[in-house]
């Protein structure tokens, strides 16, 4: 008996679901930011810090602000800057 191979329409359906899934898109965007952080920190330190260290460092230092900026962007409002002060008149 031959093992069944995945049907093209079934695998295409999964790919389409992944492409349209907002949760999956958010995961991919976060992963890209972590990889960017890994690259920047590795360049700064002069050696590869590894994904796990970059992940933990990024979560601790940047995740909250990054998510707030993403939410503000999705809502169409500019992200607030805690260091920005309004001009005095």
PDB file of N, CA and C in Angstrom:
ATOM      1  N   UNK A   1       0.839  -1.180   0.000  1.00  0.00           N
ATOM      2  CA  UNK A   1       0.000   0.000   0.000  1.00  0.00           C
ATOM      3  C   UNK A   1       0.885   1.244   0.000  1.00  0.00           C
ATOM      4  N   UNK A   2       0.614   2.194  -0.889  1.00  0.00           N
ATOM      5  CA  UNK A   2       1.393   3.409  -0.993  1.00  0.00           C
ATOM      6  C   UNK A   2       0.908   4.433   0.031  1.00  0.00           C
ATOM      7  N   UNK A   3       1.871   5.161   0.656  1.00  0.00           N
ATOM      8  CA  UNK A   3       1.429   6.240   1.552  1.00  0.00           C
ATOM      9  C   UNK A   3       0.787   7.347   0.744  1.00  0.00           C
ATOM     10  N   UNK A   4      -0.213   7.957   1.317  1.00  0.00           N
ATOM     11  CA  UNK A   4      -0.914   9.037   0.624  1.00  0.00           C
ATOM     12  C   UNK A   4      -0.063  10.291   0.635  1.00  0.00           C
ATOM     13  N   UNK A   5       0.004  10.940  -0.500  1.00  0.00           N
ATOM     14  CA  UNK A   5       0.724  12.215  -0.568  1.00  0.00           C
ATOM     15  C   UNK A   5      -0.274  13.337  -0.330  1.00  0.00           C
ATOM     16  N   UNK A   6       0.222  14.458   0.223  1.00  0.00           N
ATOM     17  CA  UNK A   6      -0.702  15.569   0.460  1.00  0.00           C
ATOM     18  C   UNK A   6      -1.307  16.067  -0.841  1.00  0.00           C
ATOM     19  N   UNK A   7      -2.548  16.412  -0.801  1.00  0.00           N
ATOM     20  CA  UNK A   7      -3.252  16.898  -1.976  1.00  0.00           C
ATOM     21  C   UNK A   7      -2.863  18.347  -2.233  1.00  0.00           C
ATOM     22  N   UNK A   8      -2.655  18.731  -3.475  1.00  0.00           N
ATOM     23  CA  UNK A   8      -2.252  20.109  -3.771  1.00  0.00           C
ATOM     24  C   UNK A   8      -3.214  21.151  -3.233  1.00  0.00           C
ATOM     25  N   UNK A   9      -4.520  20.875  -3.331  1.00  0.00           N
ATOM     26  CA  UNK A   9      -5.472  21.861  -2.852  1.00  0.00           C
ATOM     27  C   UNK A   9      -5.426  21.984  -1.337  1.00  0.00           C
ATOM     28  N   UNK A  10      -5.082  20.895  -0.636  1.00  0.00           N
ATOM     29  CA  UNK A  10      -4.985  20.954   0.816  1.00  0.00           C
ATOM     30  C   UNK A  10      -3.779  21.789   1.230  1.00  0.00           C
ATOM     31  N   UNK A  11      -2.631  21.570   0.594  1.00  0.00           N
ATOM     32  CA  UNK A  11      -1.447  22.345   0.958  1.00  0.00           C
ATOM     33  C   UNK A  11      -1.606  23.795   0.522  1.00  0.00           C
ATOM     34  N   UNK A  12      -2.244  24.029  -0.602  1.00  0.00           N
ATOM     35  CA  UNK A  12      -2.510  25.395  -1.043  1.00  0.00           C
ATOM     36  C   UNK A  12      -3.438  26.114  -0.087  1.00  0.00           C
ATOM     37  N   UNK A  13      -4.390  25.382   0.467  1.00  0.00           N
ATOM     38  CA  UNK A  13      -5.308  25.969   1.435  1.00  0.00           C
ATOM     39  C   UNK A  13      -4.583  26.389   2.699  1.00  0.00           C
ATOM     40  N   UNK A  14      -3.620  25.583   3.139  1.00  0.00           N
ATOM     41  CA  UNK A  14      -2.837  25.934   4.325  1.00  0.00           C
ATOM     42  C   UNK A  14      -1.969  27.152   4.058  1.00  0.00           C
ATOM     43  N   UNK A  15      -1.378  27.217   2.895  1.00  0.00           N
ATOM     44  CA  UNK A  15      -0.550  28.365   2.547  1.00  0.00           C
ATOM     45  C   UNK A  15      -1.398  29.630   2.491  1.00  0.00           C
ATOM     46  N   UNK A  16      -2.580  29.506   1.935  1.00  0.00           N
ATOM     47  CA  UNK A  16      -3.484  30.662   1.854  1.00  0.00           C
ATOM     48  C   UNK A  16      -3.925  31.096   3.249  1.00  0.00           C
ATOM     49  N   UNK A  17      -4.217  30.146   4.108  1.00  0.00           N
ATOM     50  CA  UNK A  17      -4.603  30.462   5.489  1.00  0.00           C
ATOM     51  C   UNK A  17      -3.469  31.198   6.196  1.00  0.00           C
ATOM     52  N   UNK A  18      -2.234  30.693   6.041  1.00  0.00           N
ATOM     53  CA  UNK A  18      -1.079  31.329   6.684  1.00  0.00           C
ATOM     54  C   UNK A  18      -0.883  32.741   6.146  1.00  0.00           C
ATOM     55  N   UNK A  19      -1.099  32.938   4.865  1.00  0.00           N
ATOM     56  CA  UNK A  19      -0.921  34.250   4.245  1.00  0.00           C
ATOM     57  C   UNK A  19      -1.972  35.240   4.772  1.00  0.00           C
ATOM     58  N   UNK A  20      -3.159  34.757   5.078  1.00  0.00           N
ATOM     59  CA  UNK A  20      -4.238  35.645   5.520  1.00  0.00           C
ATOM     60  C   UNK A  20      -4.362  35.740   7.033  1.00  0.00           C
ATOM     61  N   UNK A  21      -3.673  34.893   7.772  1.00  0.00           N
ATOM     62  CA  UNK A  21      -3.787  34.875   9.224  1.00  0.00           C
ATOM     63  C   UNK A  21      -3.069  36.076   9.839  1.00  0.00           C
ATOM     64  N   UNK A  22      -3.807  36.916  10.531  1.00  0.00           N
ATOM     65  CA  UNK A  22      -3.177  38.082  11.164  1.00  0.00           C
ATOM     66  C   UNK A  22      -2.241  37.652  12.291  1.00  0.00           C
ATOM     67  N   UNK A  23      -2.576  36.585  12.980  1.00  0.00           N
ATOM     68  CA  UNK A  23      -1.708  36.079  14.047  1.00  0.00           C
ATOM     69  C   UNK A  23      -0.372  35.607  13.480  1.00  0.00           C
ATOM     70  N   UNK A  24      -0.428  34.885  12.369  1.00  0.00           N
ATOM     71  CA  UNK A  24       0.794  34.406  11.737  1.00  0.00           C
ATOM     72  C   UNK A  24       1.607  35.573  11.183  1.00  0.00           C
ATOM     73  N   UNK A  25       0.953  36.564  10.611  1.00  0.00           N
ATOM     74  CA  UNK A  25       1.650  37.739  10.102  1.00  0.00           C
ATOM     75  C   UNK A  25       2.337  38.492  11.242  1.00  0.00           C
ATOM     76  N   UNK A  26       1.680  38.573  12.379  1.00  0.00           N
ATOM     77  CA  UNK A  26       2.276  39.227  13.550  1.00  0.00           C
ATOM     78  C   UNK A  26       3.498  38.449  14.036  1.00  0.00           C
ATOM     79  N   UNK A  27       3.390  37.115  14.038  1.00  0.00           N
ATOM     80  CA  UNK A  27       4.530  36.263  14.402  1.00  0.00           C
ATOM     81  C   UNK A  27       5.709  36.509  13.471  1.00  0.00           C
ATOM     82  N   UNK A  28       5.464  36.558  12.170  1.00  0.00           N
ATOM     83  CA  UNK A  28       6.540  36.776  11.207  1.00  0.00           C
ATOM     84  C   UNK A  28       7.193  38.148  11.394  1.00  0.00           C
ATOM     85  N   UNK A  29       6.384  39.165  11.641  1.00  0.00           N
ATOM     86  CA  UNK A  29       6.922  40.515  11.842  1.00  0.00           C
ATOM     87  C   UNK A  29       7.783  40.565  13.105  1.00  0.00           C
ATOM     88  N   UNK A  30       7.312  39.923  14.169  1.00  0.00           N
ATOM     89  CA  UNK A  30       8.070  39.897  15.423  1.00  0.00           C
ATOM     90  C   UNK A  30       9.377  39.134  15.238  1.00  0.00           C
ATOM     91  N   UNK A  31       9.321  38.034  14.525  1.00  0.00           N
ATOM     92  CA  UNK A  31      10.518  37.237  14.260  1.00  0.00           C
ATOM     93  C   UNK A  31      11.551  38.049  13.479  1.00  0.00           C
ATOM     94  N   UNK A  32      11.092  38.821  12.500  1.00  0.00           N
ATOM     95  CA  UNK A  32      11.995  39.679  11.735  1.00  0.00           C
ATOM     96  C   UNK A  32      12.679  40.710  12.631  1.00  0.00           C
ATOM     97  N   UNK A  33      11.926  41.289  13.561  1.00  0.00           N
ATOM     98  CA  UNK A  33      12.503  42.264  14.488  1.00  0.00           C
ATOM     99  C   UNK A  33      13.548  41.605  15.392  1.00  0.00           C
ATOM    100  N   UNK A  34      13.272  40.395  15.836  1.00  0.00           N
ATOM    101  CA  UNK A  34      14.225  39.672  16.689  1.00  0.00           C
ATOM    102  C   UNK A  34      15.497  39.373  15.906  1.00  0.00           C
ATOM    103  N   UNK A  35      15.353  38.943  14.662  1.00  0.00           N
ATOM    104  CA  UNK A  35      16.532  38.655  13.842  1.00  0.00           C
ATOM    105  C   UNK A  35      17.328  39.932  13.568  1.00  0.00           C
ATOM    106  N   UNK A  36      16.628  41.039  13.364  1.00  0.00           N
ATOM    107  CA  UNK A  36      17.316  42.318  13.166  1.00  0.00           C
ATOM    108  C   UNK A  36      18.074  42.708  14.431  1.00  0.00           C
ATOM    109  N   UNK A  37      17.432  42.529  15.588  1.00  0.00           N
ATOM    110  CA  UNK A  37      18.071  42.819  16.871  1.00  0.00           C
ATOM    111  C   UNK A  37      19.302  41.925  17.059  1.00  0.00           C
ATOM    112  N   UNK A  38      19.184  40.658  16.701  1.00  0.00           N
ATOM    113  CA  UNK A  38      20.304  39.717  16.804  1.00  0.00           C
ATOM    114  C   UNK A  38      21.477  40.196  15.965  1.00  0.00           C
ATOM    115  N   UNK A  39      21.193  40.623  14.756  1.00  0.00           N
ATOM    116  CA  UNK A  39      22.248  41.093  13.864  1.00  0.00           C
ATOM    117  C   UNK A  39      22.912  42.353  14.429  1.00  0.00           C
ATOM    118  N   UNK A  40      22.104  43.326  14.858  1.00  0.00           N
ATOM    119  CA  UNK A  40      22.656  44.571  15.383  1.00  0.00           C
ATOM    120  C   UNK A  40      23.502  44.338  16.636  1.00  0.00           C
ATOM    121  N   UNK A  41      22.989  43.546  17.557  1.00  0.00           N
ATOM    122  CA  UNK A  41      23.733  43.271  18.787  1.00  0.00           C
ATOM    123  C   UNK A  41      24.987  42.459  18.509  1.00  0.00           C
ATOM    124  N   UNK A  42      24.908  41.518  17.601  1.00  0.00           N
ATOM    125  CA  UNK A  42      26.085  40.718  17.240  1.00  0.00           C
ATOM    126  C   UNK A  42      27.155  41.611  16.617  1.00  0.00           C
ATOM    127  N   UNK A  43      26.744  42.544  15.757  1.00  0.00           N
ATOM    128  CA  UNK A  43      27.697  43.476  15.153  1.00  0.00           C
ATOM    129  C   UNK A  43      28.318  44.371  16.224  1.00  0.00           C
ATOM    130  N   UNK A  44      27.501  44.838  17.129  1.00  0.00           N
ATOM    131  CA  UNK A  44      27.981  45.735  18.185  1.00  0.00           C
ATOM    132  C   UNK A  44      28.993  45.029  19.084  1.00  0.00           C
ATOM    133  N   UNK A  45      28.719  43.768  19.427  1.00  0.00           N
ATOM    134  CA  UNK A  45      29.591  43.024  20.340  1.00  0.00           C
ATOM    135  C   UNK A  45      30.748  42.327  19.636  1.00  0.00           C
ATOM    136  N   UNK A  46      30.637  42.136  18.334  1.00  0.00           N
ATOM    137  CA  UNK A  46      31.720  41.514  17.583  1.00  0.00           C
ATOM    138  C   UNK A  46      31.672  40.003  17.514  1.00  0.00           C
ATOM    139  N   UNK A  47      30.547  39.408  17.932  1.00  0.00           N
ATOM    140  CA  UNK A  47      30.366  37.960  17.821  1.00  0.00           C
ATOM    141  C   UNK A  47      28.876  37.649  17.766  1.00  0.00           C
ATOM    142  N   UNK A  48      28.559  36.465  17.248  1.00  0.00           N
ATOM    143  CA  UNK A  48      27.159  36.047  17.113  1.00  0.00           C
ATOM    144  C   UNK A  48      26.592  35.736  18.495  1.00  0.00           C
ATOM    145  N   UNK A  49      25.577  36.475  18.891  1.00  0.00           N
ATOM    146  CA  UNK A  49      25.003  36.272  20.221  1.00  0.00           C
ATOM    147  C   UNK A  49      24.007  35.116  20.264  1.00  0.00           C
ATOM    148  N   UNK A  50      23.581  34.633  19.113  1.00  0.00           N
ATOM    149  CA  UNK A  50      22.644  33.524  19.058  1.00  0.00           C
ATOM    150  C   UNK A  50      21.200  33.981  19.161  1.00  0.00           C
ATOM    151  N   UNK A  51      20.309  33.166  18.624  1.00  0.00           N
ATOM    152  CA  UNK A  51      18.902  33.546  18.565  1.00  0.00           C
ATOM    153  C   UNK A  51      18.266  33.619  19.948  1.00  0.00           C
ATOM    154  N   UNK A  52      18.555  32.659  20.816  1.00  0.00           N
ATOM    155  CA  UNK A  52      17.896  32.637  22.125  1.00  0.00           C
ATOM    156  C   UNK A  52      18.237  33.880  22.948  1.00  0.00           C
ATOM    157  N   UNK A  53      19.504  34.252  22.961  1.00  0.00           N
ATOM    158  CA  UNK A  53      19.897  35.444  23.706  1.00  0.00           C
ATOM    159  C   UNK A  53      19.251  36.688  23.091  1.00  0.00           C
ATOM    160  N   UNK A  54      19.252  36.775  21.762  1.00  0.00           N
ATOM    161  CA  UNK A  54      18.627  37.914  21.092  1.00  0.00           C
ATOM    162  C   UNK A  54      17.134  37.970  21.399  1.00  0.00           C
ATOM    163  N   UNK A  55      16.481  36.829  21.373  1.00  0.00           N
ATOM    164  CA  UNK A  55      15.052  36.756  21.674  1.00  0.00           C
ATOM    165  C   UNK A  55      14.749  37.277  23.070  1.00  0.00           C
ATOM    166  N   UNK A  56      15.454  36.759  24.063  1.00  0.00           N
ATOM    167  CA  UNK A  56      15.203  37.170  25.447  1.00  0.00           C
ATOM    168  C   UNK A  56      15.521  38.646  25.657  1.00  0.00           C
ATOM    169  N   UNK A  57      16.610  39.125  25.064  1.00  0.00           N
ATOM    170  CA  UNK A  57      16.987  40.522  25.199  1.00  0.00           C
ATOM    171  C   UNK A  57      15.960  41.424  24.522  1.00  0.00           C
ATOM    172  N   UNK A  58      15.516  41.041  23.323  1.00  0.00           N
ATOM    173  CA  UNK A  58      14.539  41.844  22.600  1.00  0.00           C
ATOM    174  C   UNK A  58      13.214  41.904  23.359  1.00  0.00           C
ATOM    175  N   UNK A  59      12.777  40.770  23.884  1.00  0.00           N
ATOM    176  CA  UNK A  59      11.526  40.747  24.648  1.00  0.00           C
ATOM    177  C   UNK A  59      11.637  41.677  25.849  1.00  0.00           C
ATOM    178  N   UNK A  60      12.746  41.584  26.559  1.00  0.00           N
ATOM    179  CA  UNK A  60      12.942  42.385  27.766  1.00  0.00           C
ATOM    180  C   UNK A  60      13.051  43.880  27.456  1.00  0.00           C
ATOM    181  N   UNK A  61      13.736  44.241  26.371  1.00  0.00           N
ATOM    182  CA  UNK A  61      14.040  45.637  26.110  1.00  0.00           C
ATOM    183  C   UNK A  61      13.125  46.328  25.103  1.00  0.00           C
ATOM    184  N   UNK A  62      12.541  45.587  24.153  1.00  0.00           N
ATOM    185  CA  UNK A  62      11.873  46.256  23.027  1.00  0.00           C
ATOM    186  C   UNK A  62      10.445  45.807  22.721  1.00  0.00           C
ATOM    187  N   UNK A  63      10.039  44.650  23.163  1.00  0.00           N
ATOM    188  CA  UNK A  63       8.764  44.085  22.709  1.00  0.00           C
ATOM    189  C   UNK A  63       7.556  44.971  23.009  1.00  0.00           C
ATOM    190  N   UNK A  64       7.493  45.485  24.213  1.00  0.00           N
ATOM    191  CA  UNK A  64       6.322  46.270  24.609  1.00  0.00           C
ATOM    192  C   UNK A  64       6.153  47.507  23.721  1.00  0.00           C
ATOM    193  N   UNK A  65       7.249  48.248  23.501  1.00  0.00           N
ATOM    194  CA  UNK A  65       7.186  49.442  22.659  1.00  0.00           C
ATOM    195  C   UNK A  65       6.884  49.080  21.209  1.00  0.00           C
ATOM    196  N   UNK A  66       7.472  47.976  20.735  1.00  0.00           N
ATOM    197  CA  UNK A  66       7.247  47.539  19.360  1.00  0.00           C
ATOM    198  C   UNK A  66       5.779  47.191  19.148  1.00  0.00           C
ATOM    199  N   UNK A  67       5.197  46.464  20.089  1.00  0.00           N
ATOM    200  CA  UNK A  67       3.780  46.101  19.959  1.00  0.00           C
ATOM    201  C   UNK A  67       2.879  47.333  20.018  1.00  0.00           C
ATOM    202  N   UNK A  68       3.208  48.279  20.900  1.00  0.00           N
ATOM    203  CA  UNK A  68       2.404  49.502  20.997  1.00  0.00           C
ATOM    204  C   UNK A  68       2.466  50.271  19.684  1.00  0.00           C
ATOM    205  N   UNK A  69       3.640  50.340  19.086  1.00  0.00           N
ATOM    206  CA  UNK A  69       3.784  51.030  17.804  1.00  0.00           C
ATOM    207  C   UNK A  69       3.010  50.316  16.708  1.00  0.00           C
ATOM    208  N   UNK A  70       3.004  48.985  16.711  1.00  0.00           N
ATOM    209  CA  UNK A  70       2.245  48.217  15.718  1.00  0.00           C
ATOM    210  C   UNK A  70       0.750  48.458  15.884  1.00  0.00           C
ATOM    211  N   UNK A  71       0.284  48.466  17.133  1.00  0.00           N
ATOM    212  CA  UNK A  71      -1.140  48.704  17.382  1.00  0.00           C
ATOM    213  C   UNK A  71      -1.531  50.104  16.925  1.00  0.00           C
ATOM    214  N   UNK A  72      -0.685  51.093  17.222  1.00  0.00           N
ATOM    215  CA  UNK A  72      -0.977  52.463  16.808  1.00  0.00           C
ATOM    216  C   UNK A  72      -0.982  52.580  15.294  1.00  0.00           C
ATOM    217  N   UNK A  73      -0.056  51.908  14.642  1.00  0.00           N
ATOM    218  CA  UNK A  73       0.011  51.935  13.180  1.00  0.00           C
ATOM    219  C   UNK A  73      -1.238  51.295  12.581  1.00  0.00           C
ATOM    220  N   UNK A  74      -1.682  50.183  13.159  1.00  0.00           N
ATOM    221  CA  UNK A  74      -2.873  49.498  12.660  1.00  0.00           C
ATOM    222  C   UNK A  74      -4.123  50.356  12.860  1.00  0.00           C
ATOM    223  N   UNK A  75      -4.135  51.140  13.936  1.00  0.00           N
ATOM    224  CA  UNK A  75      -5.280  51.999  14.213  1.00  0.00           C
ATOM    225  C   UNK A  75      -5.221  53.301  13.421  1.00  0.00           C
ATOM    226  N   UNK A  76      -4.074  53.553  12.796  1.00  0.00           N
ATOM    227  CA  UNK A  76      -3.938  54.756  11.990  1.00  0.00           C
ATOM    228  C   UNK A  76      -3.561  55.994  12.783  1.00  0.00           C
ATOM    229  N   UNK A  77      -3.090  55.804  14.007  1.00  0.00           N
ATOM    230  CA  UNK A  77      -2.655  56.929  14.822  1.00  0.00           C
ATOM    231  C   UNK A  77      -1.147  56.871  14.983  1.00  0.00           C
ATOM    232  N   UNK A  78      -0.498  58.026  15.085  1.00  0.00           N
ATOM    233  CA  UNK A  78       0.949  58.001  15.289  1.00  0.00           C
ATOM    234  C   UNK A  78       1.284  57.496  16.682  1.00  0.00           C
ATOM    235  N   UNK A  79       2.366  56.704  16.813  1.00  0.00           N
ATOM    236  CA  UNK A  79       2.731  56.211  18.140  1.00  0.00           C
ATOM    237  C   UNK A  79       3.159  57.365  19.032  1.00  0.00           C
ATOM    238  N   UNK A  80       2.799  57.268  20.309  1.00  0.00           N
ATOM    239  CA  UNK A  80       3.187  58.323  21.236  1.00  0.00           C
ATOM    240  C   UNK A  80       4.632  58.107  21.655  1.00  0.00           C
ATOM    241  N   UNK A  81       5.324  59.183  21.863  1.00  0.00           N
ATOM    242  CA  UNK A  81       6.724  59.121  22.271  1.00  0.00           C
ATOM    243  C   UNK A  81       6.837  59.642  23.697  1.00  0.00           C
ATOM    244  N   UNK A  82       7.254  58.801  24.637  1.00  0.00           N
ATOM    245  CA  UNK A  82       7.322  59.251  26.027  1.00  0.00           C
ATOM    246  C   UNK A  82       8.378  60.325  26.248  1.00  0.00           C
ATOM    247  N   UNK A  83       9.365  60.434  25.350  1.00  0.00           N
ATOM    248  CA  UNK A  83      10.420  61.423  25.529  1.00  0.00           C
ATOM    249  C   UNK A  83      10.096  62.744  24.837  1.00  0.00           C
ATOM    250  N   UNK A  84       9.107  62.736  23.972  1.00  0.00           N
ATOM    251  CA  UNK A  84       8.764  63.967  23.255  1.00  0.00           C
ATOM    252  C   UNK A  84       8.004  64.904  24.169  1.00  0.00           C
ATOM    253  N   UNK A  85       8.380  66.161  24.122  1.00  0.00           N
ATOM    254  CA  UNK A  85       7.659  67.160  24.909  1.00  0.00           C
ATOM    255  C   UNK A  85       7.057  68.176  23.971  1.00  0.00           C
ATOM    256  N   UNK A  86       5.872  68.636  24.280  1.00  0.00           N
ATOM    257  CA  UNK A  86       5.251  69.636  23.391  1.00  0.00           C
ATOM    258  C   UNK A  86       6.021  70.936  23.449  1.00  0.00           C
ATOM    259  N   UNK A  87       6.057  71.657  22.335  1.00  0.00           N
ATOM    260  CA  UNK A  87       6.781  72.945  22.330  1.00  0.00           C
ATOM    261  C   UNK A  87       6.106  73.933  23.264  1.00  0.00           C
ATOM    262  N   UNK A  88       6.924  74.684  23.977  1.00  0.00           N
ATOM    263  CA  UNK A  88       6.340  75.682  24.884  1.00  0.00           C
ATOM    264  C   UNK A  88       6.075  76.970  24.116  1.00  0.00           C
ATOM    265  N   UNK A  89       4.994  77.658  24.501  1.00  0.00           N
ATOM    266  CA  UNK A  89       4.643  78.885  23.778  1.00  0.00           C
ATOM    267  C   UNK A  89       4.798  80.098  24.658  1.00  0.00           C
TER     268      UNK A  89
END
